[in-house]
PDB file of N, CA and C in Angstrom:
ATOM      1  N   MET A   1       7.370   2.402  -6.497  1.00  0.00           N
ATOM      2  CA  MET A   1       6.658   1.595  -5.530  1.00  0.00           C
ATOM      3  C   MET A   1       6.128   2.487  -4.418  1.00  0.00           C
ATOM      4  N   SER A   2       4.988   2.100  -3.914  1.00  0.00           N
ATOM      5  CA  SER A   2       4.348   2.919  -2.899  1.00  0.00           C
ATOM      6  C   SER A   2       4.833   2.559  -1.499  1.00  0.00           C
ATOM      7  N   SER A   3       4.506   3.449  -0.573  1.00  0.00           N
ATOM      8  CA  SER A   3       4.841   3.211   0.829  1.00  0.00           C
ATOM      9  C   SER A   3       3.864   2.211   1.422  1.00  0.00           C
ATOM     10  N   SER A   4       4.203   1.722   2.587  1.00  0.00           N
ATOM     11  CA  SER A   4       3.346   0.772   3.278  1.00  0.00           C
ATOM     12  C   SER A   4       2.461   1.503   4.272  1.00  0.00           C
ATOM     13  N   ILE A   5       1.645   0.736   4.989  1.00  0.00           N
ATOM     14  CA  ILE A   5       0.740   1.292   5.989  1.00  0.00           C
ATOM     15  C   ILE A   5       1.502   2.018   7.092  1.00  0.00           C
ATOM     16  N   GLY A   6       2.698   1.578   7.383  1.00  0.00           N
ATOM     17  CA  GLY A   6       3.529   2.223   8.387  1.00  0.00           C
ATOM     18  C   GLY A   6       4.955   2.316   7.885  1.00  0.00           C
ATOM     19  N   ALA A   7       5.640   3.372   8.268  1.00  0.00           N
ATOM     20  CA  ALA A   7       7.018   3.574   7.804  1.00  0.00           C
ATOM     21  C   ALA A   7       7.899   2.370   8.137  1.00  0.00           C
ATOM     22  N   GLU A   8       7.579   1.700   9.253  1.00  0.00           N
ATOM     23  CA  GLU A   8       8.368   0.543   9.668  1.00  0.00           C
ATOM     24  C   GLU A   8       8.289  -0.606   8.661  1.00  0.00           C
ATOM     25  N   CYS A   9       7.226  -0.637   7.869  1.00  0.00           N
ATOM     26  CA  CYS A   9       7.006  -1.747   6.930  1.00  0.00           C
ATOM     27  C   CYS A   9       7.418  -1.416   5.500  1.00  0.00           C
ATOM     28  N   THR A  10       7.743  -0.169   5.217  1.00  0.00           N
ATOM     29  CA  THR A  10       8.006   0.232   3.840  1.00  0.00           C
ATOM     30  C   THR A  10       9.190  -0.513   3.229  1.00  0.00           C
ATOM     31  N   GLU A  11      10.274  -0.678   3.973  1.00  0.00           N
ATOM     32  CA  GLU A  11      11.432  -1.388   3.424  1.00  0.00           C
ATOM     33  C   GLU A  11      11.083  -2.844   3.106  1.00  0.00           C
ATOM     34  N   LEU A  12      10.334  -3.492   4.002  1.00  0.00           N
ATOM     35  CA  LEU A  12       9.908  -4.870   3.749  1.00  0.00           C
ATOM     36  C   LEU A  12       9.003  -4.942   2.521  1.00  0.00           C
ATOM     37  N   LYS A  13       8.114  -3.961   2.387  1.00  0.00           N
ATOM     38  CA  LYS A  13       7.217  -3.926   1.226  1.00  0.00           C
ATOM     39  C   LYS A  13       8.015  -3.772  -0.059  1.00  0.00           C
ATOM     40  N   GLN A  14       8.989  -2.880  -0.051  1.00  0.00           N
ATOM     41  CA  GLN A  14       9.798  -2.661  -1.252  1.00  0.00           C
ATOM     42  C   GLN A  14      10.586  -3.915  -1.629  1.00  0.00           C
ATOM     43  N   LYS A  15      11.126  -4.618  -0.626  1.00  0.00           N
ATOM     44  CA  LYS A  15      11.848  -5.866  -0.911  1.00  0.00           C
ATOM     45  C   LYS A  15      10.905  -6.903  -1.514  1.00  0.00           C
ATOM     46  N   TYR A  16       9.718  -7.029  -0.930  1.00  0.00           N
ATOM     47  CA  TYR A  16       8.749  -7.987  -1.455  1.00  0.00           C
ATOM     48  C   TYR A  16       8.307  -7.590  -2.865  1.00  0.00           C
ATOM     49  N   ASP A  17       7.972  -6.315  -3.059  1.00  0.00           N
ATOM     50  CA  ASP A  17       7.538  -5.850  -4.383  1.00  0.00           C
ATOM     51  C   ASP A  17       8.599  -6.127  -5.442  1.00  0.00           C
ATOM     52  N   THR A  18       9.854  -5.851  -5.119  1.00  0.00           N
ATOM     53  CA  THR A  18      10.953  -6.091  -6.058  1.00  0.00           C
ATOM     54  C   THR A  18      11.051  -7.573  -6.393  1.00  0.00           C
ATOM     55  N   CYS A  19      11.009  -8.412  -5.372  1.00  0.00           N
ATOM     56  CA  CYS A  19      11.078  -9.857  -5.578  1.00  0.00           C
ATOM     57  C   CYS A  19       9.894 -10.333  -6.418  1.00  0.00           C
ATOM     58  N   PHE A  20       8.692  -9.898  -6.058  1.00  0.00           N
ATOM     59  CA  PHE A  20       7.494 -10.336  -6.773  1.00  0.00           C
ATOM     60  C   PHE A  20       7.525  -9.901  -8.232  1.00  0.00           C
ATOM     61  N   ASN A  21       7.848  -8.641  -8.479  1.00  0.00           N
ATOM     62  CA  ASN A  21       7.872  -8.140  -9.855  1.00  0.00           C
ATOM     63  C   ASN A  21       8.883  -8.895 -10.707  1.00  0.00           C
ATOM     64  N   LYS A  22      10.045  -9.192 -10.133  1.00  0.00           N
ATOM     65  CA  LYS A  22      11.069  -9.952 -10.864  1.00  0.00           C
ATOM     66  C   LYS A  22      10.569 -11.368 -11.141  1.00  0.00           C
ATOM     67  N   TRP A  23      10.036 -12.022 -10.109  1.00  0.00           N
ATOM     68  CA  TRP A  23       9.511 -13.380 -10.275  1.00  0.00           C
ATOM     69  C   TRP A  23       8.395 -13.410 -11.313  1.00  0.00           C
ATOM     70  N   TYR A  24       7.478 -12.463 -11.219  1.00  0.00           N
ATOM     71  CA  TYR A  24       6.323 -12.435 -12.122  1.00  0.00           C
ATOM     72  C   TYR A  24       6.759 -12.271 -13.574  1.00  0.00           C
ATOM     73  N   SER A  25       7.634 -11.307 -13.827  1.00  0.00           N
ATOM     74  CA  SER A  25       8.032 -11.031 -15.211  1.00  0.00           C
ATOM     75  C   SER A  25       9.020 -12.048 -15.772  1.00  0.00           C
ATOM     76  N   GLU A  26       9.919 -12.538 -14.925  1.00  0.00           N
ATOM     77  CA  GLU A  26      10.972 -13.422 -15.430  1.00  0.00           C
ATOM     78  C   GLU A  26      10.636 -14.907 -15.330  1.00  0.00           C
ATOM     79  N   LYS A  27       9.709 -15.263 -14.467  1.00  0.00           N
ATOM     80  CA  LYS A  27       9.418 -16.692 -14.280  1.00  0.00           C
ATOM     81  C   LYS A  27       7.950 -17.027 -14.522  1.00  0.00           C
ATOM     82  N   PHE A  28       7.058 -16.387 -13.774  1.00  0.00           N
ATOM     83  CA  PHE A  28       5.641 -16.736 -13.856  1.00  0.00           C
ATOM     84  C   PHE A  28       5.102 -16.603 -15.276  1.00  0.00           C
ATOM     85  N   LEU A  29       5.391 -15.501 -15.934  1.00  0.00           N
ATOM     86  CA  LEU A  29       4.888 -15.293 -17.294  1.00  0.00           C
ATOM     87  C   LEU A  29       5.487 -16.273 -18.296  1.00  0.00           C
ATOM     88  N   LYS A  30       6.551 -16.954 -17.900  1.00  0.00           N
ATOM     89  CA  LYS A  30       7.179 -17.957 -18.769  1.00  0.00           C
ATOM     90  C   LYS A  30       6.793 -19.377 -18.343  1.00  0.00           C
ATOM     91  N   GLY A  31       5.834 -19.477 -17.417  1.00  0.00           N
ATOM     92  CA  GLY A  31       5.311 -20.781 -17.041  1.00  0.00           C
ATOM     93  C   GLY A  31       5.820 -21.371 -15.744  1.00  0.00           C
ATOM     94  N   ASP A  32       6.800 -20.752 -15.112  1.00  0.00           N
ATOM     95  CA  ASP A  32       7.325 -21.269 -13.842  1.00  0.00           C
ATOM     96  C   ASP A  32       6.528 -20.648 -12.696  1.00  0.00           C
ATOM     97  N   THR A  33       5.649 -21.433 -12.105  1.00  0.00           N
ATOM     98  CA  THR A  33       4.788 -20.910 -11.042  1.00  0.00           C
ATOM     99  C   THR A  33       5.313 -21.205  -9.638  1.00  0.00           C
ATOM    100  N   THR A  34       6.542 -21.681  -9.539  1.00  0.00           N
ATOM    101  CA  THR A  34       7.135 -21.966  -8.232  1.00  0.00           C
ATOM    102  C   THR A  34       7.304 -20.658  -7.460  1.00  0.00           C
ATOM    103  N   PRO A  35       6.652 -20.528  -6.299  1.00  0.00           N
ATOM    104  CA  PRO A  35       6.763 -19.274  -5.549  1.00  0.00           C
ATOM    105  C   PRO A  35       8.180 -19.055  -5.025  1.00  0.00           C
ATOM    106  N   GLU A  36       8.617 -17.809  -5.050  1.00  0.00           N
ATOM    107  CA  GLU A  36       9.972 -17.485  -4.598  1.00  0.00           C
ATOM    108  C   GLU A  36      10.016 -16.418  -3.515  1.00  0.00           C
ATOM    109  N   CYS A  37       8.930 -15.739  -3.289  1.00  0.00           N
ATOM    110  CA  CYS A  37       8.960 -14.578  -2.394  1.00  0.00           C
ATOM    111  C   CYS A  37       8.123 -14.785  -1.132  1.00  0.00           C
ATOM    112  N   GLU A  38       7.794 -16.026  -0.826  1.00  0.00           N
ATOM    113  CA  GLU A  38       6.905 -16.295   0.303  1.00  0.00           C
ATOM    114  C   GLU A  38       7.456 -15.807   1.636  1.00  0.00           C
ATOM    115  N   ASP A  39       8.737 -16.003   1.887  1.00  0.00           N
ATOM    116  CA  ASP A  39       9.315 -15.558   3.162  1.00  0.00           C
ATOM    117  C   ASP A  39       9.247 -14.041   3.300  1.00  0.00           C
ATOM    118  N   LEU A  40       9.548 -13.334   2.204  1.00  0.00           N
ATOM    119  CA  LEU A  40       9.461 -11.869   2.235  1.00  0.00           C
ATOM    120  C   LEU A  40       8.024 -11.427   2.480  1.00  0.00           C
ATOM    121  N   PHE A  41       7.067 -12.116   1.836  1.00  0.00           N
ATOM    122  CA  PHE A  41       5.665 -11.763   2.031  1.00  0.00           C
ATOM    123  C   PHE A  41       5.242 -12.000   3.477  1.00  0.00           C
ATOM    124  N   LYS A  42       5.654 -13.123   4.065  1.00  0.00           N
ATOM    125  CA  LYS A  42       5.303 -13.417   5.458  1.00  0.00           C
ATOM    126  C   LYS A  42       5.848 -12.351   6.398  1.00  0.00           C
ATOM    127  N   ASP A  43       7.082 -11.910   6.169  1.00  0.00           N
ATOM    128  CA  ASP A  43       7.678 -10.855   6.999  1.00  0.00           C
ATOM    129  C   ASP A  43       6.910  -9.547   6.844  1.00  0.00           C
ATOM    130  N   TYR A  44       6.587  -9.208   5.603  1.00  0.00           N
ATOM    131  CA  TYR A  44       5.855  -7.964   5.340  1.00  0.00           C
ATOM    132  C   TYR A  44       4.455  -8.036   5.959  1.00  0.00           C
ATOM    133  N   LYS A  45       3.768  -9.155   5.772  1.00  0.00           N
ATOM    134  CA  LYS A  45       2.421  -9.309   6.325  1.00  0.00           C
ATOM    135  C   LYS A  45       2.445  -9.194   7.847  1.00  0.00           C
ATOM    136  N   ALA A  46       3.431  -9.800   8.495  1.00  0.00           N
ATOM    137  CA  ALA A  46       3.543  -9.714   9.955  1.00  0.00           C
ATOM    138  C   ALA A  46       3.718  -8.263  10.394  1.00  0.00           C
ATOM    139  N   CYS A  47       4.535  -7.520   9.674  1.00  0.00           N
ATOM    140  CA  CYS A  47       4.744  -6.107   9.993  1.00  0.00           C
ATOM    141  C   CYS A  47       3.441  -5.321   9.831  1.00  0.00           C
ATOM    142  N   VAL A  48       2.736  -5.569   8.730  1.00  0.00           N
ATOM    143  CA  VAL A  48       1.468  -4.870   8.476  1.00  0.00           C
ATOM    144  C   VAL A  48       0.456  -5.186   9.573  1.00  0.00           C
ATOM    145  N   MET A  49       0.348  -6.445   9.949  1.00  0.00           N
ATOM    146  CA  MET A  49      -0.613  -6.812  10.986  1.00  0.00           C
ATOM    147  C   MET A  49      -0.263  -6.151  12.319  1.00  0.00           C
ATOM    148  N   THR A  50       1.017  -5.993  12.600  1.00  0.00           N
ATOM    149  CA  THR A  50       1.442  -5.280  13.803  1.00  0.00           C
ATOM    150  C   THR A  50       0.997  -3.827  13.732  1.00  0.00           C
ATOM    151  N   GLN A  51       1.173  -3.203  12.567  1.00  0.00           N
ATOM    152  CA  GLN A  51       0.769  -1.808  12.396  1.00  0.00           C
ATOM    153  C   GLN A  51      -0.744  -1.650  12.497  1.00  0.00           C
ATOM    154  N   VAL A  52      -1.481  -2.593  11.936  1.00  0.00           N
ATOM    155  CA  VAL A  52      -2.943  -2.557  12.031  1.00  0.00           C
ATOM    156  C   VAL A  52      -3.350  -2.600  13.501  1.00  0.00           C
ATOM    157  N   GLY A  53      -2.703  -3.454  14.272  1.00  0.00           N
ATOM    158  CA  GLY A  53      -2.997  -3.542  15.698  1.00  0.00           C
ATOM    159  C   GLY A  53      -2.662  -2.264  16.440  1.00  0.00           C
ATOM    160  N   ARG A  54      -1.513  -1.675  16.125  1.00  0.00           N
ATOM    161  CA  ARG A  54      -1.100  -0.428  16.797  1.00  0.00           C
ATOM    162  C   ARG A  54      -2.024   0.728  16.454  1.00  0.00           C
ATOM    163  N   LYS A  55      -2.446   0.783  15.198  1.00  0.00           N
ATOM    164  CA  LYS A  55      -3.298   1.893  14.764  1.00  0.00           C
ATOM    165  C   LYS A  55      -4.767   1.616  15.032  1.00  0.00           C
ATOM    166  N   LYS A  56      -5.037   0.428  15.573  1.00  0.00           N
ATOM    167  CA  LYS A  56      -6.399   0.012  15.886  1.00  0.00           C
ATOM    168  C   LYS A  56      -7.298   0.078  14.653  1.00  0.00           C
ATOM    169  N   LEU A  57      -6.743  -0.321  13.513  1.00  0.00           N
ATOM    170  CA  LEU A  57      -7.522  -0.382  12.283  1.00  0.00           C
ATOM    171  C   LEU A  57      -8.300  -1.689  12.260  1.00  0.00           C
ATOM    172  N   PRO A  58      -9.508  -1.657  11.715  1.00  0.00           N
ATOM    173  CA  PRO A  58     -10.276  -2.904  11.656  1.00  0.00           C
ATOM    174  C   PRO A  58      -9.688  -3.855  10.625  1.00  0.00           C
ATOM    175  N   ARG A  59      -9.675  -5.125  10.940  1.00  0.00           N
ATOM    176  CA  ARG A  59      -9.259  -6.140   9.972  1.00  0.00           C
ATOM    177  C   ARG A  59     -10.472  -6.458   9.119  1.00  0.00           C
ATOM    178  N   THR A  60     -10.280  -6.548   7.825  1.00  0.00           N
ATOM    179  CA  THR A  60     -11.424  -6.698   6.927  1.00  0.00           C
ATOM    180  C   THR A  60     -12.240  -7.954   7.185  1.00  0.00           C
ATOM    181  N   GLN A  61     -11.641  -9.017   7.703  1.00  0.00           N
ATOM    182  CA  GLN A  61     -12.402 -10.230   7.961  1.00  0.00           C
ATOM    183  C   GLN A  61     -13.486 -10.001   9.012  1.00  0.00           C
ATOM    184  N   SER A  62     -13.263  -9.050   9.920  1.00  0.00           N
ATOM    185  CA  SER A  62     -14.223  -8.824  10.989  1.00  0.00           C
ATOM    186  C   SER A  62     -15.232  -7.732  10.647  1.00  0.00           C
ATOM    187  N   ILE A  63     -15.148  -7.182   9.457  1.00  0.00           N
ATOM    188  CA  ILE A  63     -16.053  -6.116   9.041  1.00  0.00           C
ATOM    189  C   ILE A  63     -17.183  -6.725   8.223  1.00  0.00           C
ATOM    190  N   LYS A  64     -18.400  -6.296   8.495  1.00  0.00           N
ATOM    191  CA  LYS A  64     -19.545  -6.784   7.727  1.00  0.00           C
ATOM    192  C   LYS A  64     -19.394  -6.337   6.273  1.00  0.00           C
ATOM    193  N   PRO A  65     -19.885  -7.131   5.323  1.00  0.00           N
ATOM    194  CA  PRO A  65     -19.698  -6.806   3.899  1.00  0.00           C
ATOM    195  C   PRO A  65     -20.149  -5.404   3.500  1.00  0.00           C
ATOM    196  N   ASN A  66     -21.309  -4.942   3.969  1.00  0.00           N
ATOM    197  CA  ASN A  66     -21.762  -3.605   3.565  1.00  0.00           C
ATOM    198  C   ASN A  66     -20.877  -2.512   4.157  1.00  0.00           C
ATOM    199  N   THR A  67     -20.316  -2.738   5.344  1.00  0.00           N
ATOM    200  CA  THR A  67     -19.395  -1.778   5.947  1.00  0.00           C
ATOM    201  C   THR A  67     -18.081  -1.756   5.182  1.00  0.00           C
ATOM    202  N   ARG A  68     -17.615  -2.941   4.766  1.00  0.00           N
ATOM    203  CA  ARG A  68     -16.380  -3.039   3.994  1.00  0.00           C
ATOM    204  C   ARG A  68     -16.521  -2.226   2.706  1.00  0.00           C
ATOM    205  N   SER A  69     -17.679  -2.320   2.064  1.00  0.00           N
ATOM    206  CA  SER A  69     -17.932  -1.569   0.838  1.00  0.00           C
ATOM    207  C   SER A  69     -17.901  -0.069   1.115  1.00  0.00           C
ATOM    208  N   SER A  70     -18.492   0.352   2.227  1.00  0.00           N
ATOM    209  CA  SER A  70     -18.493   1.772   2.591  1.00  0.00           C
ATOM    210  C   SER A  70     -17.078   2.278   2.821  1.00  0.00           C
ATOM    211  N   ILE A  71     -16.261   1.476   3.501  1.00  0.00           N
ATOM    212  CA  ILE A  71     -14.870   1.860   3.746  1.00  0.00           C
ATOM    213  C   ILE A  71     -14.135   2.006   2.421  1.00  0.00           C
ATOM    214  N   SER A  72     -14.388   1.090   1.498  1.00  0.00           N
ATOM    215  CA  SER A  72     -13.751   1.162   0.179  1.00  0.00           C
ATOM    216  C   SER A  72     -14.146   2.440  -0.540  1.00  0.00           C
ATOM    217  N   GLN A  73     -15.416   2.803  -0.468  1.00  0.00           N
ATOM    218  CA  GLN A  73     -15.889   4.011  -1.141  1.00  0.00           C
ATOM    219  C   GLN A  73     -15.228   5.260  -0.554  1.00  0.00           C
ATOM    220  N   VAL A  74     -15.084   5.306   0.760  1.00  0.00           N
ATOM    221  CA  VAL A  74     -14.418   6.441   1.407  1.00  0.00           C
ATOM    222  C   VAL A  74     -12.970   6.525   0.940  1.00  0.00           C
ATOM    223  N   ALA A  75     -12.291   5.389   0.899  1.00  0.00           N
ATOM    224  CA  ALA A  75     -10.892   5.368   0.459  1.00  0.00           C
ATOM    225  C   ALA A  75     -10.773   5.839  -0.987  1.00  0.00           C
ATOM    226  N   LEU A  76     -11.690   5.407  -1.839  1.00  0.00           N
ATOM    227  CA  LEU A  76     -11.665   5.839  -3.243  1.00  0.00           C
ATOM    228  C   LEU A  76     -11.843   7.349  -3.350  1.00  0.00           C
ATOM    229  N   LYS A  77     -12.742   7.904  -2.550  1.00  0.00           N
ATOM    230  CA  LYS A  77     -12.975   9.352  -2.592  1.00  0.00           C
ATOM    231  C   LYS A  77     -11.784  10.121  -2.036  1.00  0.00           C
ATOM    232  N   GLU A  78     -11.205   9.634  -0.936  1.00  0.00           N
ATOM    233  CA  GLU A  78     -10.062  10.326  -0.335  1.00  0.00           C
ATOM    234  C   GLU A  78      -8.891  10.422  -1.304  1.00  0.00           C
ATOM    235  N   LYS A  79      -8.667   9.385  -2.067  1.00  0.00           N
ATOM    236  CA  LYS A  79      -7.555   9.358  -3.023  1.00  0.00           C
ATOM    237  C   LYS A  79      -7.973   9.897  -4.391  1.00  0.00           C
ATOM    238  N   GLN A  80      -9.228  10.330  -4.504  1.00  0.00           N
ATOM    239  CA  GLN A  80      -9.803  10.855  -5.748  1.00  0.00           C
ATOM    240  C   GLN A  80      -9.760   9.826  -6.877  1.00  0.00           C
ATOM    241  N   ILE A  81      -9.803   8.567  -6.501  1.00  0.00           N
ATOM    242  CA  ILE A  81      -9.815   7.491  -7.485  1.00  0.00           C
ATOM    243  C   ILE A  81     -11.220   7.329  -8.052  1.00  0.00           C
ATOM    244  N   ASP A  82     -12.238   7.706  -7.264  1.00  0.00           N
ATOM    245  CA  ASP A  82     -13.609   7.576  -7.740  1.00  0.00           C
ATOM    246  C   ASP A  82     -13.842   8.381  -9.011  1.00  0.00           C
ATOM    247  N   THR A  83     -13.239   9.563  -9.095  1.00  0.00           N
ATOM    248  CA  THR A  83     -13.368  10.396 -10.295  1.00  0.00           C
ATOM    249  C   THR A  83     -12.685   9.738 -11.485  1.00  0.00           C
ATOM    250  N   LEU A  84     -11.502   9.188 -11.255  1.00  0.00           N
ATOM    251  CA  LEU A  84     -10.784   8.501 -12.331  1.00  0.00           C
ATOM    252  C   LEU A  84     -11.574   7.292 -12.827  1.00  0.00           C
ATOM    253  N   LEU A  85     -12.168   6.542 -11.903  1.00  0.00           N
ATOM    254  CA  LEU A  85     -12.978   5.388 -12.290  1.00  0.00           C
ATOM    255  C   LEU A  85     -14.199   5.814 -13.104  1.00  0.00           C
ATOM    256  N   ALA A  86     -14.849   6.882 -12.671  1.00  0.00           N
ATOM    257  CA  ALA A  86     -16.023   7.368 -13.403  1.00  0.00           C
ATOM    258  C   ALA A  86     -15.638   7.779 -14.821  1.00  0.00           C
ATOM    259  N   ASP A  87     -14.508   8.477 -14.955  1.00  0.00           N
ATOM    260  CA  ASP A  87     -14.039   8.878 -16.287  1.00  0.00           C
ATOM    261  C   ASP A  87     -13.712   7.662 -17.150  1.00  0.00           C
ATOM    262  N   ALA A  88     -13.053   6.675 -16.561  1.00  0.00           N
ATOM    263  CA  ALA A  88     -12.699   5.466 -17.314  1.00  0.00           C
ATOM    264  C   ALA A  88     -13.952   4.711 -17.748  1.00  0.00           C
ATOM    265  N   ARG A  89     -14.950   4.677 -16.894  1.00  0.00           N
ATOM    266  CA  ARG A  89     -16.195   3.982 -17.246  1.00  0.00           C
ATOM    267  C   ARG A  89     -16.930   4.689 -18.375  1.00  0.00           C
ATOM    268  N   LYS A  90     -16.829   6.017 -18.434  1.00  0.00           N
ATOM    269  CA  LYS A  90     -17.442   6.757 -19.543  1.00  0.00           C
ATOM    270  C   LYS A  90     -16.699   6.466 -20.840  1.00  0.00           C
ATOM    271  N   GLU A  91     -15.377   6.403 -20.746  1.00  0.00           N
ATOM    272  CA  GLU A  91     -14.538   6.207 -21.925  1.00  0.00           C
ATOM    273  C   GLU A  91     -14.650   4.789 -22.487  1.00  0.00           C
ATOM    274  N   ALA A  92     -14.645   3.788 -21.627  1.00  0.00           N
ATOM    275  CA  ALA A  92     -14.705   2.389 -22.068  1.00  0.00           C
ATOM    276  C   ALA A  92     -15.524   1.587 -21.066  1.00  0.00           C
ATOM    277  N   PRO A  93     -16.848   1.744 -21.110  1.00  0.00           N
ATOM    278  CA  PRO A  93     -17.679   1.082 -20.102  1.00  0.00           C
ATOM    279  C   PRO A  93     -17.757  -0.430 -20.293  1.00  0.00           C
ATOM    280  N   PHE A  94     -17.822  -1.120 -19.162  1.00  0.00           N
ATOM    281  CA  PHE A  94     -18.101  -2.552 -19.181  1.00  0.00           C
ATOM    282  C   PHE A  94     -19.616  -2.706 -19.192  1.00  0.00           C
ATOM    283  N   PRO A  95     -20.134  -3.716 -19.862  1.00  0.00           N
ATOM    284  CA  PRO A  95     -21.585  -3.930 -19.787  1.00  0.00           C
ATOM    285  C   PRO A  95     -21.960  -4.387 -18.381  1.00  0.00           C
ATOM    286  N   PRO A  96     -23.162  -4.044 -17.932  1.00  0.00           N
ATOM    287  CA  PRO A  96     -23.598  -4.536 -16.622  1.00  0.00           C
ATOM    288  C   PRO A  96     -23.563  -6.062 -16.606  1.00  0.00           C
ATOM    289  N   PRO A  97     -23.378  -6.686 -15.442  1.00  0.00           N
ATOM    290  CA  PRO A  97     -23.264  -8.147 -15.366  1.00  0.00           C
ATOM    291  C   PRO A  97     -24.414  -8.890 -16.036  1.00  0.00           C
ATOM    292  N   SER A  98     -25.636  -8.389 -15.906  1.00  0.00           N
ATOM    293  CA  SER A  98     -26.772  -9.100 -16.498  1.00  0.00           C
ATOM    294  C   SER A  98     -26.694  -9.108 -18.022  1.00  0.00           C
ATOM    295  N   GLN A  99     -26.173  -8.019 -18.630  1.00  0.00           N
ATOM    296  CA  GLN A  99     -26.037  -7.971 -20.087  1.00  0.00           C
ATOM    297  C   GLN A  99     -24.934  -8.894 -20.569  1.00  0.00           C
ATOM    298  N   SER A 100     -23.797  -8.899 -19.876  1.00  0.00           N
ATOM    299  CA  SER A 100     -22.679  -9.715 -20.341  1.00  0.00           C
ATOM    300  C   SER A 100     -22.993 -11.200 -20.246  1.00  0.00           C
ATOM    301  N   SER A 101     -23.733 -11.621 -19.206  1.00  0.00           N
ATOM    302  CA  SER A 101     -24.052 -13.042 -19.092  1.00  0.00           C
ATOM    303  C   SER A 101     -25.084 -13.462 -20.123  1.00  0.00           C
ATOM    304  N   SER A 102     -26.020 -12.571 -20.480  1.00  0.00           N
ATOM    305  CA  SER A 102     -27.006 -12.938 -21.492  1.00  0.00           C
ATOM    306  C   SER A 102     -26.399 -12.914 -22.883  1.00  0.00           C
ATOM    307  N   ASN A 103     -25.397 -12.038 -23.107  1.00  0.00           N
ATOM    308  CA  ASN A 103     -24.728 -11.992 -24.401  1.00  0.00           C
ATOM    309  C   ASN A 103     -23.847 -13.199 -24.621  1.00  0.00           C
ATOM    310  N   SER A 104     -23.231 -13.712 -23.571  1.00  0.00           N
ATOM    311  CA  SER A 104     -22.314 -14.836 -23.732  1.00  0.00           C
ATOM    312  C   SER A 104     -23.044 -16.134 -24.040  1.00  0.00           C
ATOM    313  N   SER A 105     -24.324 -16.211 -23.698  1.00  0.00           N
ATOM    314  CA  SER A 105     -25.067 -17.435 -23.971  1.00  0.00           C
ATOM    315  C   SER A 105     -25.702 -17.438 -25.345  1.00  0.00           C
ATOM    316  N   SER A 106     -25.663 -16.299 -26.069  1.00  0.00           N
ATOM    317  CA  SER A 106     -26.283 -16.257 -27.387  1.00  0.00           C
ATOM    318  C   SER A 106     -25.365 -16.715 -28.472  1.00  0.00           C
TER     319      SER A 106
END
């Protein structure tokens, strides 16, 4: 499991991740959709929002869509995920949206 946005939130994130993964594999996939980890998620989310405020990070709701996309692209490049995505697209490309919608109607 990965760390959280702030060290203060990592333990809460790990507790939530553990709860969610157990619920998902043992209950949700077997048809029981009753949520079980909501309190842990609320605690973790509150911690994250506190860290966002302290670090003066922008909240995505207040970011214009084109800026949000730019931020995502920077994050992908920083983590070198953009290269992995490009390689995956070469190996098993998805058809462009216009092709897939025209193929599904035929």
